[in-house]
Structures are given as structure tokens and as C-alpha cells.
Amino acid sequence: MHNSEEEIIENIKVLVADESHEKYVDTILQTIADAAKDRGTGIAKRTHEYLTTKMKEAKAVIALVGDSFAGFSYIETWGNKKYVTTSGLIVHPDFRHLGIAKRIKDMTFTLARMRWPHAKIFSLTSGKAVMKMNTALGYQPVTFDDLTDDEAFWRGCEGCVNYPVLKERNRKFCICTAMLFDPEEHLPAKIPQAVLDRIARLEGHAINNKSQTE
């Protein structure tokens, strides 16, 4: 790349994908496959049609630098939308170490919370960087029993090279680490109405005293 790192960072766009981004799908799939091969770890395989549908349904986030593909992730719902995953996070080798992964992760997480505010968001990952980002967002390590029992989700693992491990352990354990964000554990503390009324009276009294002394 001829552009400086600063110029590239300035030109990074992270946005919710739509049908106009289908032209990047084959590059996305190849980048995901290459990354899994380089790491020697598994990843659920997806088709061109599958990712295109995610884009059309506003369930995918893409990063671009000009017209070049830089990164991607998508959202899936499970168990009648009681569970959500942000999956397939990938950054193209030409654009790594520029903070793109975190920006994509933040966008997919925000999008998932906005669309399914009561859903539990979970992650199965073997990547240290993803675990770090998950922790920063409030995910906690959990057992596989805490995840969805939706068979469609677990069928997605069949394309992973580590699937025999998962099968042998009856879906109780695998190479990946399970992490979960439970929105019920991140609700703001509820202040009783009587206390709110008391605060209103105190603030009102303080304002009146101030106005009388001026």
C-alpha cells in the first residue's frame, strides 16, 4: 500500500452493509477461509447466498477503505431471537493492526443490542483478540450449557475442523471459549419512586433557597 497508515485510518468506513456490498462477499469468504487456515483453527462455513442475505437484512457490518474490502462481521439470531451472535469477524491482511476489528465489533454489538435489546449475546471463539474485545463489552466466560440449544446454531459448527472434539464431548466443551453478554445483568440500578420524589423535593428546595439569596 502506498498510502500512509494515518491516511488509511482516516479513510476507513465502518457501516451496516446492504445489497450494494454483495460484490465483496466472495472476497470476504476467501479472507475468512485463509485466516482459519493460517491459525489452524476452525470456523463455521457460510455460503455466498447466506452472507448476501445478511447484508440485505441489515444484519452485517462491513469496513471499507475507499473501494477496498477491509473487514466484516454478521449477526445471527437463535432460539426465537432469545439469543444473538455476532459472528465471522474478519479483517483483511492489508488492513490489520489499524483498530478495524474493534470498530466492527462495537458496531455489530450496538446493532444487535438495538434490534434485540432483551436477547443474550454470545460468542464462541478461539481468538485472544476477540476474547479481549468481548470482555471490554461486558461478556463473561460461561459453559456451553449457558448457550442456545437451537440445533441450527450447532449444525453450523459441523464445517469446523474441530467439530469432532465438540461431538465427542457431547457439546459440553471444545477448542473455543464460550462467552455471554446478558442484558439483564447490565440494567441500570432501579431507584424507588419514593427516593426519586425525595430527590426532586431536595433539588427543588435547593433551587428555591438559591433564588431567594440572589
Protein backbone atom coordinates (compact mmCIF):
# COMPACT_ATOMS: atom_id res chain seq x y z
CA MET A 1 0.00 0.00 0.00
CA HIS A 2 1.31 3.40 -0.96
CA ASN A 3 -0.83 5.41 1.44
CA SER A 4 0.46 6.16 4.92
CA GLU A 5 -1.11 4.46 7.94
CA GLU A 6 -2.63 7.77 9.02
CA GLU A 7 -4.26 8.26 5.60
CA ILE A 8 -5.68 4.75 5.67
CA ILE A 9 -7.13 5.19 9.16
CA GLU A 10 -8.77 8.45 8.09
CA ASN A 11 -10.41 6.71 5.12
CA ILE A 12 -11.77 3.68 6.98
CA LYS A 13 -15.56 3.49 6.84
CA VAL A 14 -17.41 1.03 9.09
CA LEU A 15 -21.07 0.76 8.17
CA VAL A 16 -24.10 -1.52 8.24
CA ALA A 17 -23.94 -3.44 4.97
CA ASP A 18 -26.71 -3.55 2.36
CA GLU A 19 -27.30 -5.25 -1.00
CA SER A 20 -24.81 -2.93 -2.74
CA HIS A 21 -21.99 -4.68 -0.87
CA GLU A 22 -22.67 -8.15 -2.32
CA LYS A 23 -19.73 -7.61 -4.68
CA TYR A 24 -17.42 -8.10 -1.69
CA VAL A 25 -18.89 -11.41 -0.50
CA ASP A 26 -16.52 -13.76 -2.33
CA THR A 27 -13.53 -11.78 -1.05
CA ILE A 28 -14.96 -11.95 2.47
CA LEU A 29 -15.41 -15.73 2.28
CA GLN A 30 -11.87 -16.23 0.96
CA THR A 31 -10.40 -13.98 3.66
CA ILE A 32 -12.25 -15.93 6.36
CA ALA A 33 -11.06 -19.26 4.93
CA ASP A 34 -7.44 -18.08 4.65
CA ALA A 35 -7.43 -16.79 8.23
CA ALA A 36 -8.78 -20.07 9.60
CA LYS A 37 -6.14 -22.00 7.64
CA ASP A 38 -3.32 -19.75 8.88
CA ARG A 39 -4.43 -20.11 12.51
CA GLY A 40 -5.03 -23.82 12.19
CA THR A 41 -8.42 -23.36 13.82
CA GLY A 42 -11.92 -24.00 12.64
CA ILE A 43 -14.70 -21.69 11.58
CA ALA A 44 -18.31 -22.27 10.57
CA LYS A 45 -18.51 -22.20 6.78
CA ARG A 46 -21.03 -19.86 5.14
CA THR A 47 -22.18 -19.53 1.55
CA HIS A 48 -22.27 -16.56 -0.79
CA GLU A 49 -26.07 -16.55 -0.54
CA TYR A 50 -26.01 -16.66 3.24
CA LEU A 51 -23.81 -13.58 3.64
CA THR A 52 -25.70 -11.74 0.91
CA THR A 53 -28.94 -12.32 2.81
CA LYS A 54 -27.34 -10.95 5.99
CA MET A 55 -26.43 -7.79 4.10
CA LYS A 56 -29.94 -7.38 2.70
CA GLU A 57 -31.46 -7.87 6.17
CA ALA A 58 -29.19 -5.24 7.79
CA LYS A 59 -27.52 -7.95 9.87
CA ALA A 60 -23.95 -7.38 8.69
CA VAL A 61 -21.26 -4.77 9.18
CA ILE A 62 -18.55 -4.07 6.61
CA ALA A 63 -15.40 -1.95 6.72
CA LEU A 64 -14.09 -0.32 3.56
CA VAL A 65 -11.06 1.75 2.69
CA GLY A 66 -12.12 3.51 -0.46
CA ASP A 67 -13.41 0.69 -2.65
CA SER A 68 -11.25 -1.94 -0.96
CA PHE A 69 -12.65 -4.53 1.43
CA ALA A 70 -11.13 -4.13 4.91
CA GLY A 71 -13.29 -6.11 7.36
CA PHE A 72 -16.60 -7.78 8.07
CA SER A 73 -18.89 -9.39 10.64
CA TYR A 74 -22.52 -10.51 10.73
CA ILE A 75 -25.32 -11.14 13.21
CA GLU A 76 -27.37 -14.29 13.73
CA THR A 77 -30.39 -14.89 15.96
CA TRP A 78 -31.23 -18.19 17.66
CA GLY A 79 -33.95 -19.71 19.82
CA ASN A 80 -36.76 -17.38 18.69
CA LYS A 81 -34.42 -14.38 18.99
CA LYS A 82 -33.67 -15.05 22.66
CA TYR A 83 -30.01 -15.41 21.73
CA VAL A 84 -27.84 -13.44 19.32
CA THR A 85 -24.32 -13.97 18.00
CA THR A 86 -22.01 -11.53 16.26
CA SER A 87 -20.04 -13.87 14.04
CA GLY A 88 -17.41 -14.18 11.34
CA LEU A 89 -15.34 -11.17 12.45
CA ILE A 90 -12.51 -10.81 9.95
CA VAL A 91 -10.07 -8.10 8.88
CA HIS A 92 -8.24 -8.25 5.57
CA PRO A 93 -4.45 -8.77 5.98
CA ASP A 94 -3.75 -5.45 4.22
CA PHE A 95 -5.62 -3.54 6.94
CA ARG A 96 -4.76 -5.29 10.18
CA HIS A 97 -3.46 -3.53 13.31
CA LEU A 98 -5.42 -0.37 12.50
CA GLY A 99 -8.21 -0.82 15.05
CA ILE A 100 -10.72 -2.03 12.45
CA ALA A 101 -11.70 -5.21 14.31
CA LYS A 102 -12.72 -3.25 17.40
CA ARG A 103 -14.75 -0.77 15.34
CA ILE A 104 -16.58 -3.61 13.60
CA LYS A 105 -17.16 -5.42 16.89
CA ASP A 106 -18.54 -2.26 18.50
CA MET A 107 -20.86 -1.66 15.55
CA THR A 108 -22.26 -5.22 15.43
CA PHE A 109 -22.69 -5.25 19.21
CA THR A 110 -24.54 -1.91 19.14
CA LEU A 111 -26.70 -3.05 16.23
CA ALA A 112 -27.57 -6.32 17.99
CA ARG A 113 -28.48 -4.56 21.24
CA MET A 114 -30.63 -2.04 19.37
CA ARG A 115 -32.55 -4.65 17.36
CA TRP A 116 -32.86 -7.31 20.07
CA PRO A 117 -32.49 -5.46 23.41
CA HIS A 118 -33.60 -8.41 25.56
CA ALA A 119 -31.54 -11.09 23.80
CA LYS A 120 -28.46 -12.68 25.30
CA ILE A 121 -25.46 -12.11 23.04
CA PHE A 122 -22.92 -14.90 22.98
CA SER A 123 -19.66 -15.76 21.32
CA LEU A 124 -17.71 -18.93 20.63
CA THR A 125 -14.15 -18.00 19.79
CA SER A 126 -10.60 -19.25 19.94
CA GLY A 127 -9.13 -15.81 19.21
CA LYS A 128 -7.41 -13.93 22.03
CA ALA A 129 -8.17 -10.54 20.46
CA VAL A 130 -11.89 -11.32 20.22
CA MET A 131 -11.96 -12.51 23.84
CA LYS A 132 -10.38 -9.21 24.89
CA MET A 133 -12.96 -7.19 22.96
CA ASN A 134 -15.81 -9.30 24.34
CA THR A 135 -14.60 -8.75 27.90
CA ALA A 136 -14.44 -4.99 27.35
CA LEU A 137 -18.08 -5.05 26.18
CA GLY A 138 -19.26 -6.95 29.27
CA TYR A 139 -19.21 -10.57 28.09
CA GLN A 140 -18.44 -13.21 30.72
CA PRO A 141 -16.94 -16.69 30.22
CA VAL A 142 -19.66 -19.34 30.51
CA THR A 143 -20.16 -23.04 29.97
CA PHE A 144 -21.62 -24.36 26.73
CA ASP A 145 -24.80 -25.20 28.67
CA ASP A 146 -25.41 -21.45 29.03
CA LEU A 147 -25.66 -21.02 25.26
CA THR A 148 -28.61 -21.59 22.97
CA ASP A 149 -29.90 -25.13 22.46
CA ASP A 150 -31.04 -24.19 18.96
CA GLU A 151 -29.93 -27.11 16.76
CA ALA A 152 -29.48 -24.78 13.79
CA PHE A 153 -26.67 -23.00 15.62
CA TRP A 154 -24.81 -26.17 16.50
CA ARG A 155 -25.15 -27.52 12.95
CA GLY A 156 -23.12 -24.51 11.90
CA CYS A 157 -20.17 -25.99 13.78
CA GLU A 158 -20.14 -29.07 11.57
CA GLY A 159 -17.97 -27.31 8.99
CA CYS A 160 -15.29 -26.60 11.61
CA VAL A 161 -12.14 -28.75 11.72
CA ASN A 162 -12.63 -29.06 15.48
CA TYR A 163 -16.18 -30.41 15.22
CA PRO A 164 -15.10 -33.98 16.19
CA VAL A 165 -13.95 -32.59 19.55
CA LEU A 166 -17.32 -30.90 20.12
CA LYS A 167 -19.16 -34.09 19.14
CA GLU A 168 -17.05 -36.33 21.35
CA ARG A 169 -17.72 -34.08 24.33
CA ASN A 170 -21.50 -34.02 23.71
CA ARG A 171 -21.40 -30.26 23.06
CA LYS A 172 -20.12 -29.59 26.58
CA PHE A 173 -16.64 -28.47 25.53
CA CYS A 174 -14.49 -27.63 22.52
CA ILE A 175 -11.44 -25.63 21.47
CA CYS A 176 -13.44 -22.40 21.50
CA THR A 177 -14.23 -20.37 24.62
CA ALA A 178 -17.89 -19.58 25.28
CA MET A 179 -18.69 -16.00 26.35
CA LEU A 180 -22.06 -14.41 27.10
CA PHE A 181 -23.47 -10.89 27.47
CA ASP A 182 -26.68 -10.96 29.49
CA PRO A 183 -28.62 -7.65 29.19
CA GLU A 184 -30.41 -8.37 32.47
CA GLU A 185 -27.08 -8.09 34.27
CA HIS A 186 -26.35 -4.70 32.74
CA LEU A 187 -29.54 -2.85 33.54
CA PRO A 188 -29.15 0.41 35.44
CA ALA A 189 -29.99 0.20 39.14
CA LYS A 190 -33.67 0.89 39.76
CA ILE A 191 -34.24 3.71 42.23
CA PRO A 192 -37.57 3.50 44.13
CA GLN A 193 -40.10 6.16 43.20
CA ALA A 194 -40.20 7.40 46.81
CA VAL A 195 -36.49 8.14 46.60
CA LEU A 196 -36.92 9.91 43.27
CA ASP A 197 -39.66 12.04 44.80
CA ARG A 198 -37.41 12.85 47.74
CA ILE A 199 -34.58 13.91 45.40
CA ALA A 200 -36.99 16.13 43.45
CA ARG A 201 -38.06 17.81 46.67
CA LEU A 202 -34.48 18.32 47.79
CA GLU A 203 -33.40 19.77 44.46
CA GLY A 204 -36.46 21.99 44.31
CA HIS A 205 -35.79 23.26 47.84
CA ALA A 206 -32.15 23.94 46.98
CA ILE A 207 -33.12 25.91 43.90
CA ASN A 208 -35.65 28.00 45.89
CA ASN A 209 -33.07 28.80 48.57
CA LYS A 210 -30.58 29.83 45.92
CA SER A 211 -33.06 32.09 44.17
CA GLN A 212 -34.02 33.77 47.44
CA THR A 213 -30.43 34.67 48.27
CA GLU A 214 -29.62 36.19 44.90
